[in-house]
PDB file of N, CA and C in Angstrom:
ATOM      1  N   MET A   1      15.514   6.656   2.619  1.00  0.00           N
ATOM      2  CA  MET A   1      14.373   5.391   3.291  1.00  0.00           C
ATOM      3  C   MET A   1      13.869   5.522   1.073  1.00  0.00           C
ATOM      4  N   ILE A   2      14.224   6.435   0.400  1.00  0.00           N
ATOM      5  CA  ILE A   2      13.246   6.745  -0.702  1.00  0.00           C
ATOM      6  C   ILE A   2      14.384   5.776  -1.721  1.00  0.00           C
ATOM      7  N   LYS A   3      16.147   5.640  -1.618  1.00  0.00           N
ATOM      8  CA  LYS A   3      16.857   4.399  -1.724  1.00  0.00           C
ATOM      9  C   LYS A   3      16.691   3.078  -1.920  1.00  0.00           C
ATOM     10  N   ILE A   4      15.937   2.917  -0.561  1.00  0.00           N
ATOM     11  CA  ILE A   4      15.659   1.074   0.128  1.00  0.00           C
ATOM     12  C   ILE A   4      14.226   1.157  -1.352  1.00  0.00           C
ATOM     13  N   PHE A   5      13.394   1.968  -1.221  1.00  0.00           N
ATOM     14  CA  PHE A   5      12.398   1.753  -1.432  1.00  0.00           C
ATOM     15  C   PHE A   5      12.965   1.466  -3.386  1.00  0.00           C
ATOM     16  N   ASP A   6      13.718   2.135  -3.992  1.00  0.00           N
ATOM     17  CA  ASP A   6      14.071   1.484  -5.525  1.00  0.00           C
ATOM     18  C   ASP A   6      14.616   0.935  -5.514  1.00  0.00           C
ATOM     19  N   LYS A   7      15.961   0.176  -4.582  1.00  0.00           N
ATOM     20  CA  LYS A   7      16.077  -0.997  -4.512  1.00  0.00           C
ATOM     21  C   LYS A   7      14.864  -1.964  -4.439  1.00  0.00           C
ATOM     22  N   ILE A   8      14.207  -2.356  -3.046  1.00  0.00           N
ATOM     23  CA  ILE A   8      13.495  -3.513  -3.587  1.00  0.00           C
ATOM     24  C   ILE A   8      12.566  -3.234  -4.784  1.00  0.00           C
ATOM     25  N   LEU A   9      12.106  -2.047  -5.335  1.00  0.00           N
ATOM     26  CA  LEU A   9      11.162  -1.878  -6.624  1.00  0.00           C
ATOM     27  C   LEU A   9      12.381  -2.456  -7.737  1.00  0.00           C
ATOM     28  N   ASN A  10      13.548  -1.945  -7.741  1.00  0.00           N
ATOM     29  CA  ASN A  10      14.244  -3.091  -9.130  1.00  0.00           C
ATOM     30  C   ASN A  10      14.247  -4.287  -9.189  1.00  0.00           C
ATOM     31  N   GLU A  11      14.835  -4.970  -7.334  1.00  0.00           N
ATOM     32  CA  GLU A  11      14.138  -6.112  -6.973  1.00  0.00           C
ATOM     33  C   GLU A  11      13.054  -6.470  -8.484  1.00  0.00           C
ATOM     34  N   LYS A  12      11.616  -6.013  -7.605  1.00  0.00           N
ATOM     35  CA  LYS A  12      10.859  -6.417  -7.863  1.00  0.00           C
ATOM     36  C   LYS A  12      10.177  -7.035  -9.262  1.00  0.00           C
ATOM     37  N   LYS A  13      10.304  -5.741  -9.417  1.00  0.00           N
ATOM     38  CA  LYS A  13      10.573  -5.154 -10.975  1.00  0.00           C
ATOM     39  C   LYS A  13      10.630  -6.624 -12.530  1.00  0.00           C
ATOM     40  N   ARG A  14      11.626  -6.853 -11.767  1.00  0.00           N
ATOM     41  CA  ARG A  14      12.382  -8.545 -12.394  1.00  0.00           C
ATOM     42  C   ARG A  14      11.068  -9.298 -12.713  1.00  0.00           C
ATOM     43  N   HIS A  15      10.494  -9.508 -11.590  1.00  0.00           N
ATOM     44  CA  HIS A  15      10.410 -10.845 -11.722  1.00  0.00           C
ATOM     45  C   HIS A  15       8.282 -10.380 -11.286  1.00  0.00           C
ATOM     46  N   HIS A  16       8.258  -9.204 -12.075  1.00  0.00           N
ATOM     47  CA  HIS A  16       6.020  -9.211 -12.463  1.00  0.00           C
ATOM     48  C   HIS A  16       6.760  -8.732 -13.870  1.00  0.00           C
ATOM     49  N   THR A  17       5.179  -7.980 -14.249  1.00  0.00           N
ATOM     50  CA  THR A  17       4.041  -7.993 -15.525  1.00  0.00           C
ATOM     51  C   THR A  17       4.588  -6.419 -15.609  1.00  0.00           C
ATOM     52  N   LYS A  18       4.739  -5.564 -16.509  1.00  0.00           N
ATOM     53  CA  LYS A  18       4.666  -4.914 -16.962  1.00  0.00           C
ATOM     54  C   LYS A  18       3.666  -3.890 -16.659  1.00  0.00           C
ATOM     55  N   LEU A  19       3.008  -3.039 -15.852  1.00  0.00           N
ATOM     56  CA  LEU A  19       2.066  -2.322 -15.238  1.00  0.00           C
ATOM     57  C   LEU A  19       2.050  -0.608 -15.911  1.00  0.00           C
ATOM     58  N   ARG A  20       1.229  -0.351 -16.363  1.00  0.00           N
ATOM     59  CA  ARG A  20       1.129   0.798 -16.976  1.00  0.00           C
ATOM     60  C   ARG A  20       1.122   2.159 -15.734  1.00  0.00           C
ATOM     61  N   LYS A  21       1.347   2.823 -16.360  1.00  0.00           N
ATOM     62  CA  LYS A  21       1.344   4.219 -14.625  1.00  0.00           C
ATOM     63  C   LYS A  21      -0.161   4.591 -14.320  1.00  0.00           C
ATOM     64  N   SER A  22      -0.771   4.204 -15.547  1.00  0.00           N
ATOM     65  CA  SER A  22      -2.394   4.511 -15.201  1.00  0.00           C
ATOM     66  C   SER A  22      -3.141   3.732 -14.827  1.00  0.00           C
ATOM     67  N   ASP A  23      -2.526   2.278 -14.600  1.00  0.00           N
ATOM     68  CA  ASP A  23      -3.126   1.101 -14.165  1.00  0.00           C
ATOM     69  C   ASP A  23      -2.813   0.938 -12.099  1.00  0.00           C
ATOM     70  N   TRP A  24      -2.182   1.586 -12.051  1.00  0.00           N
ATOM     71  CA  TRP A  24      -1.570   2.192 -10.651  1.00  0.00           C
ATOM     72  C   TRP A  24      -2.706   3.304  -9.513  1.00  0.00           C
ATOM     73  N   PRO A  25      -2.905   2.811  -8.255  1.00  0.00           N
ATOM     74  CA  PRO A  25      -3.706   3.520  -7.598  1.00  0.00           C
ATOM     75  C   PRO A  25      -3.432   5.095  -7.913  1.00  0.00           C
ATOM     76  N   LYS A  26      -4.127   5.743  -7.239  1.00  0.00           N
ATOM     77  CA  LYS A  26      -4.177   7.098  -7.234  1.00  0.00           C
ATOM     78  C   LYS A  26      -4.354   7.995  -6.067  1.00  0.00           C
ATOM     79  N   HIS A  27      -4.765   6.964  -5.748  1.00  0.00           N
ATOM     80  CA  HIS A  27      -5.256   7.295  -3.917  1.00  0.00           C
ATOM     81  C   HIS A  27      -4.605   6.247  -2.836  1.00  0.00           C
ATOM     82  N   VAL A  28      -4.144   6.260  -1.497  1.00  0.00           N
ATOM     83  CA  VAL A  28      -4.105   5.174  -0.859  1.00  0.00           C
ATOM     84  C   VAL A  28      -5.620   4.699  -0.525  1.00  0.00           C
ATOM     85  N   GLU A  29      -5.676   3.266  -1.202  1.00  0.00           N
ATOM     86  CA  GLU A  29      -6.526   2.467  -1.007  1.00  0.00           C
ATOM     87  C   GLU A  29      -7.158   2.242   0.247  1.00  0.00           C
ATOM     88  N   SER A  30      -8.663   2.422   0.745  1.00  0.00           N
ATOM     89  CA  SER A  30      -9.107   1.133   1.654  1.00  0.00           C
ATOM     90  C   SER A  30      -9.406   0.297   1.444  1.00  0.00           C
ATOM     91  N   LEU A  31      -8.445  -0.901   1.819  1.00  0.00           N
ATOM     92  CA  LEU A  31      -8.914  -2.454   1.983  1.00  0.00           C
ATOM     93  C   LEU A  31     -10.011  -3.203   2.928  1.00  0.00           C
ATOM     94  N   ASP A  32     -10.679  -4.051   2.352  1.00  0.00           N
ATOM     95  CA  ASP A  32     -11.373  -4.548   3.068  1.00  0.00           C
ATOM     96  C   ASP A  32     -10.830  -6.174   2.661  1.00  0.00           C
ATOM     97  N   ASN A  33     -11.907  -7.138   3.188  1.00  0.00           N
ATOM     98  CA  ASN A  33     -11.304  -8.570   3.111  1.00  0.00           C
ATOM     99  C   ASN A  33     -11.500  -9.228   1.618  1.00  0.00           C
ATOM    100  N   GLU A  34     -12.304  -8.101   0.650  1.00  0.00           N
ATOM    101  CA  GLU A  34     -12.496  -8.681  -0.487  1.00  0.00           C
ATOM    102  C   GLU A  34     -11.503  -8.374  -1.647  1.00  0.00           C
ATOM    103  N   THR A  35     -10.876  -7.060  -1.257  1.00  0.00           N
ATOM    104  CA  THR A  35      -9.766  -6.040  -2.121  1.00  0.00           C
ATOM    105  C   THR A  35      -8.349  -6.366  -1.258  1.00  0.00           C
ATOM    106  N   PHE A  36      -7.974  -7.084  -0.065  1.00  0.00           N
ATOM    107  CA  PHE A  36      -6.752  -7.260   0.030  1.00  0.00           C
ATOM    108  C   PHE A  36      -6.081  -8.015  -0.235  1.00  0.00           C
ATOM    109  N   GLU A  37      -6.674  -9.059  -0.878  1.00  0.00           N
ATOM    110  CA  GLU A  37      -5.162 -10.094  -1.754  1.00  0.00           C
ATOM    111  C   GLU A  37      -5.132  -9.316  -3.368  1.00  0.00           C
ATOM    112  N   GLU A  38      -6.533  -9.327  -3.711  1.00  0.00           N
ATOM    113  CA  GLU A  38      -6.221  -8.461  -5.250  1.00  0.00           C
ATOM    114  C   GLU A  38      -5.273  -7.358  -5.014  1.00  0.00           C
ATOM    115  N   PHE A  39      -5.357  -6.570  -4.946  1.00  0.00           N
ATOM    116  CA  PHE A  39      -4.259  -5.256  -4.320  1.00  0.00           C
ATOM    117  C   PHE A  39      -3.023  -6.182  -4.187  1.00  0.00           C
ATOM    118  N   THR A  40      -2.782  -6.713  -3.116  1.00  0.00           N
ATOM    119  CA  THR A  40      -0.961  -7.375  -2.770  1.00  0.00           C
ATOM    120  C   THR A  40      -0.653  -8.339  -4.170  1.00  0.00           C
ATOM    121  N   GLN A  41      -1.543  -9.042  -5.010  1.00  0.00           N
ATOM    122  CA  GLN A  41      -0.846  -9.485  -5.646  1.00  0.00           C
ATOM    123  C   GLN A  41      -1.132  -8.283  -6.825  1.00  0.00           C
ATOM    124  N   LYS A  42      -1.787  -7.815  -7.021  1.00  0.00           N
ATOM    125  CA  LYS A  42      -1.507  -7.263  -8.683  1.00  0.00           C
ATOM    126  C   LYS A  42      -0.402  -6.644  -8.844  1.00  0.00           C
ATOM    127  N   TYR A  43       0.290  -5.618  -7.673  1.00  0.00           N
ATOM    128  CA  TYR A  43       1.216  -4.415  -7.720  1.00  0.00           C
ATOM    129  C   TYR A  43       2.639  -4.778  -7.273  1.00  0.00           C
ATOM    130  N   PRO A  44       3.895  -4.953  -7.640  1.00  0.00           N
ATOM    131  CA  PRO A  44       4.802  -5.695  -7.246  1.00  0.00           C
ATOM    132  C   PRO A  44       5.445  -5.217  -6.490  1.00  0.00           C
ATOM    133  N   LEU A  45       5.204  -4.149  -5.677  1.00  0.00           N
ATOM    134  CA  LEU A  45       5.341  -3.525  -4.530  1.00  0.00           C
ATOM    135  C   LEU A  45       3.774  -2.080  -3.546  1.00  0.00           C
ATOM    136  N   THR A  46       3.867  -3.526  -2.631  1.00  0.00           N
ATOM    137  CA  THR A  46       2.414  -2.890  -2.214  1.00  0.00           C
ATOM    138  C   THR A  46       3.023  -2.332  -0.205  1.00  0.00           C
ATOM    139  N   ILE A  47       2.349  -1.498   0.160  1.00  0.00           N
ATOM    140  CA  ILE A  47       2.844  -1.068   1.624  1.00  0.00           C
ATOM    141  C   ILE A  47       1.220  -0.643   3.043  1.00  0.00           C
ATOM    142  N   ILE A  48       0.940  -1.870   3.458  1.00  0.00           N
ATOM    143  CA  ILE A  48       0.081  -1.953   3.938  1.00  0.00           C
ATOM    144  C   ILE A  48       0.020  -1.021   4.808  1.00  0.00           C
ATOM    145  N   ASP A  49      -1.446  -0.200   5.703  1.00  0.00           N
ATOM    146  CA  ASP A  49      -0.714   0.792   6.679  1.00  0.00           C
ATOM    147  C   ASP A  49      -2.082  -0.339   7.698  1.00  0.00           C
ATOM    148  N   PHE A  50      -1.848  -0.474   8.572  1.00  0.00           N
ATOM    149  CA  PHE A  50      -3.236  -1.561   9.098  1.00  0.00           C
ATOM    150  C   PHE A  50      -3.125  -0.047  11.049  1.00  0.00           C
ATOM    151  N   TRP A  51      -4.110   0.142  11.020  1.00  0.00           N
ATOM    152  CA  TRP A  51      -4.528   0.815  11.478  1.00  0.00           C
ATOM    153  C   TRP A  51      -5.657   0.736  12.499  1.00  0.00           C
ATOM    154  N   ALA A  52      -6.261   1.720  13.108  1.00  0.00           N
ATOM    155  CA  ALA A  52      -7.187   1.720  14.238  1.00  0.00           C
ATOM    156  C   ALA A  52      -8.146   3.109  14.524  1.00  0.00           C
ATOM    157  N   PRO A  53      -9.291   3.503  14.361  1.00  0.00           N
ATOM    158  CA  PRO A  53      -9.648   4.775  14.590  1.00  0.00           C
ATOM    159  C   PRO A  53      -9.451   4.996  16.601  1.00  0.00           C
ATOM    160  N   TRP A  54      -9.542   4.341  17.579  1.00  0.00           N
ATOM    161  CA  TRP A  54      -8.673   5.356  17.703  1.00  0.00           C
ATOM    162  C   TRP A  54      -7.691   5.063  19.179  1.00  0.00           C
ATOM    163  N   CYS A  55      -6.466   5.227  17.899  1.00  0.00           N
ATOM    164  CA  CYS A  55      -5.533   5.552  18.116  1.00  0.00           C
ATOM    165  C   CYS A  55      -3.889   6.108  16.946  1.00  0.00           C
ATOM    166  N   LYS A  56      -3.928   7.567  18.121  1.00  0.00           N
ATOM    167  CA  LYS A  56      -3.563   8.526  17.716  1.00  0.00           C
ATOM    168  C   LYS A  56      -2.556   8.401  16.793  1.00  0.00           C
ATOM    169  N   PRO A  57      -1.871   7.982  17.059  1.00  0.00           N
ATOM    170  CA  PRO A  57      -0.379   7.442  16.013  1.00  0.00           C
ATOM    171  C   PRO A  57      -0.917   6.833  14.615  1.00  0.00           C
ATOM    172  N   CYS A  58      -1.277   6.148  14.691  1.00  0.00           N
ATOM    173  CA  CYS A  58      -2.128   5.577  12.855  1.00  0.00           C
ATOM    174  C   CYS A  58      -2.901   6.963  12.074  1.00  0.00           C
ATOM    175  N   LYS A  59      -3.105   7.838  12.910  1.00  0.00           N
ATOM    176  CA  LYS A  59      -4.266   9.065  12.290  1.00  0.00           C
ATOM    177  C   LYS A  59      -3.207   9.479  11.679  1.00  0.00           C
ATOM    178  N   THR A  60      -1.614  10.064  12.242  1.00  0.00           N
ATOM    179  CA  THR A  60      -0.933  10.624  11.898  1.00  0.00           C
ATOM    180  C   THR A  60      -0.244  10.051  10.824  1.00  0.00           C
ATOM    181  N   MET A  61      -0.168   9.384  10.922  1.00  0.00           N
ATOM    182  CA  MET A  61       0.341   8.347   9.474  1.00  0.00           C
ATOM    183  C   MET A  61      -0.519   8.636   7.202  1.00  0.00           C
ATOM    184  N   LEU A  62      -1.786   8.264   7.715  1.00  0.00           N
ATOM    185  CA  LEU A  62      -1.970   9.083   6.807  1.00  0.00           C
ATOM    186  C   LEU A  62      -1.599  10.004   5.573  1.00  0.00           C
ATOM    187  N   PRO A  63      -1.275  11.614   6.663  1.00  0.00           N
ATOM    188  CA  PRO A  63      -0.614  12.267   5.567  1.00  0.00           C
ATOM    189  C   PRO A  63       0.621  11.695   5.041  1.00  0.00           C
ATOM    190  N   ARG A  64       1.137  11.235   5.632  1.00  0.00           N
ATOM    191  CA  ARG A  64       2.419  11.041   5.756  1.00  0.00           C
ATOM    192  C   ARG A  64       2.902   9.905   3.843  1.00  0.00           C
ATOM    193  N   LEU A  65       1.015   8.967   4.130  1.00  0.00           N
ATOM    194  CA  LEU A  65       1.095   8.192   3.600  1.00  0.00           C
ATOM    195  C   LEU A  65       1.244   8.884   1.886  1.00  0.00           C
ATOM    196  N   ARG A  66       0.391   9.516   1.964  1.00  0.00           N
ATOM    197  CA  ARG A  66      -0.443  10.587   0.905  1.00  0.00           C
ATOM    198  C   ARG A  66       0.720  10.997  -0.021  1.00  0.00           C
ATOM    199  N   ARG A  67       1.946  11.769   1.119  1.00  0.00           N
ATOM    200  CA  ARG A  67       2.477  12.456   0.501  1.00  0.00           C
ATOM    201  C   ARG A  67       3.192  10.988  -0.001  1.00  0.00           C
ATOM    202  N   LEU A  68       4.081   9.937   0.867  1.00  0.00           N
ATOM    203  CA  LEU A  68       5.093   8.792  -0.005  1.00  0.00           C
ATOM    204  C   LEU A  68       3.661   8.359  -1.505  1.00  0.00           C
ATOM    205  N   GLU A  69       2.790   8.276  -1.490  1.00  0.00           N
ATOM    206  CA  GLU A  69       1.561   7.735  -2.442  1.00  0.00           C
ATOM    207  C   GLU A  69       2.740   8.708  -3.570  1.00  0.00           C
ATOM    208  N   ARG A  70       2.184  10.699  -3.964  1.00  0.00           N
ATOM    209  CA  ARG A  70       2.527  11.192  -5.059  1.00  0.00           C
ATOM    210  C   ARG A  70       3.953  11.270  -5.160  1.00  0.00           C
ATOM    211  N   ILE A  71       4.525  10.825  -3.935  1.00  0.00           N
ATOM    212  CA  ILE A  71       6.231  10.884  -4.361  1.00  0.00           C
ATOM    213  C   ILE A  71       6.422   9.340  -5.143  1.00  0.00           C
ATOM    214  N   PHE A  72       5.641   8.414  -5.239  1.00  0.00           N
ATOM    215  CA  PHE A  72       6.300   6.575  -5.612  1.00  0.00           C
ATOM    216  C   PHE A  72       4.868   6.659  -6.749  1.00  0.00           C
ATOM    217  N   GLN A  73       4.087   7.035  -6.411  1.00  0.00           N
ATOM    218  CA  GLN A  73       3.316   7.360  -8.159  1.00  0.00           C
ATOM    219  C   GLN A  73       3.495   6.488  -9.499  1.00  0.00           C
ATOM    220  N   GLY A  74       3.142   5.035  -9.024  1.00  0.00           N
ATOM    221  CA  GLY A  74       3.637   4.825 -10.388  1.00  0.00           C
ATOM    222  C   GLY A  74       4.030   3.623 -10.393  1.00  0.00           C
ATOM    223  N   LYS A  75       4.746   3.314  -8.997  1.00  0.00           N
ATOM    224  CA  LYS A  75       6.543   2.663  -8.542  1.00  0.00           C
ATOM    225  C   LYS A  75       5.778   1.820  -7.143  1.00  0.00           C
ATOM    226  N   VAL A  76       5.234   2.203  -6.133  1.00  0.00           N
ATOM    227  CA  VAL A  76       4.035   1.190  -4.880  1.00  0.00           C
ATOM    228  C   VAL A  76       3.479   1.858  -5.450  1.00  0.00           C
ATOM    229  N   ALA A  77       2.013   0.723  -4.733  1.00  0.00           N
ATOM    230  CA  ALA A  77       1.193   0.824  -4.593  1.00  0.00           C
ATOM    231  C   ALA A  77       1.128   0.958  -2.668  1.00  0.00           C
ATOM    232  N   PHE A  78      -0.280   1.940  -1.951  1.00  0.00           N
ATOM    233  CA  PHE A  78      -0.567   2.440  -1.010  1.00  0.00           C
ATOM    234  C   PHE A  78      -1.604   1.938  -0.784  1.00  0.00           C
ATOM    235  N   GLY A  79      -1.783   1.158   0.890  1.00  0.00           N
ATOM    236  CA  GLY A  79      -3.285   0.952   1.271  1.00  0.00           C
ATOM    237  C   GLY A  79      -3.479   1.086   2.429  1.00  0.00           C
ATOM    238  N   ARG A  80      -4.568   1.070   2.725  1.00  0.00           N
ATOM    239  CA  ARG A  80      -4.999   0.571   4.283  1.00  0.00           C
ATOM    240  C   ARG A  80      -5.679  -0.008   4.742  1.00  0.00           C
ATOM    241  N   VAL A  81      -5.712  -0.430   6.018  1.00  0.00           N
ATOM    242  CA  VAL A  81      -6.457  -1.824   6.578  1.00  0.00           C
ATOM    243  C   VAL A  81      -7.147  -1.025   8.503  1.00  0.00           C
ATOM    244  N   ASN A  82      -8.245  -1.088   7.939  1.00  0.00           N
ATOM    245  CA  ASN A  82      -8.793  -0.819   9.344  1.00  0.00           C
ATOM    246  C   ASN A  82      -9.010  -1.959  10.583  1.00  0.00           C
ATOM    247  N   THR A  83      -8.188  -2.456  11.469  1.00  0.00           N
ATOM    248  CA  THR A  83      -8.458  -3.253  12.084  1.00  0.00           C
ATOM    249  C   THR A  83      -9.523  -3.711  12.727  1.00  0.00           C
ATOM    250  N   GLN A  84     -10.466  -2.727  13.332  1.00  0.00           N
ATOM    251  CA  GLN A  84     -11.334  -2.518  14.024  1.00  0.00           C
ATOM    252  C   GLN A  84     -12.243  -3.132  13.026  1.00  0.00           C
ATOM    253  N   GLU A  85     -12.603  -3.095  11.345  1.00  0.00           N
ATOM    254  CA  GLU A  85     -13.670  -3.955  10.849  1.00  0.00           C
ATOM    255  C   GLU A  85     -12.760  -4.633   9.948  1.00  0.00           C
ATOM    256  N   GLN A  86     -11.897  -4.980   9.626  1.00  0.00           N
ATOM    257  CA  GLN A  86     -10.890  -5.726   8.869  1.00  0.00           C
ATOM    258  C   GLN A  86     -10.444  -6.881   9.867  1.00  0.00           C
ATOM    259  N   LYS A  87     -11.269  -7.739  10.906  1.00  0.00           N
ATOM    260  CA  LYS A  87      -9.983  -8.358  11.728  1.00  0.00           C
ATOM    261  C   LYS A  87      -9.619  -9.494  11.104  1.00  0.00           C
ATOM    262  N   GLU A  88     -10.264  -9.919  10.547  1.00  0.00           N
ATOM    263  CA  GLU A  88      -9.645 -11.505   9.812  1.00  0.00           C
ATOM    264  C   GLU A  88      -8.502 -11.004   9.171  1.00  0.00           C
ATOM    265  N   ILE A  89      -7.740  -9.622   8.264  1.00  0.00           N
ATOM    266  CA  ILE A  89      -7.371  -9.691   7.711  1.00  0.00           C
ATOM    267  C   ILE A  89      -6.294  -9.279   8.869  1.00  0.00           C
ATOM    268  N   ALA A  90      -6.058  -8.398   9.624  1.00  0.00           N
ATOM    269  CA  ALA A  90      -5.051  -8.566  11.172  1.00  0.00           C
ATOM    270  C   ALA A  90      -4.758  -9.469  11.274  1.00  0.00           C
ATOM    271  N   LYS A  91      -5.891 -10.805  11.720  1.00  0.00           N
ATOM    272  CA  LYS A  91      -5.874 -11.977  12.177  1.00  0.00           C
ATOM    273  C   LYS A  91      -3.810 -11.843  11.574  1.00  0.00           C
ATOM    274  N   LYS A  92      -4.456 -12.298  10.164  1.00  0.00           N
ATOM    275  CA  LYS A  92      -2.956 -12.793   9.367  1.00  0.00           C
ATOM    276  C   LYS A  92      -1.935 -12.281   9.788  1.00  0.00           C
TER     277      LYS A  92
END
């Protein structure tokens, strides 16, 4: 999985402006209608977790996302969207 991320990241870097490491989020961002588009446009590679409070498998993903965020700090931006609260984003 890490090799796949690195390959995708190298392809994206060629087509995106250089961000400083301090510009990248330091945690998994909670996204809403106002921040979703900006977040996905700002970073060359993003992974978004669409989850719901009633979904047990969704809840188990957060610690894994946090771990991946630490591994790929400055390379991949991780976000989460609560589909119960952000239905418009979920429809897209």
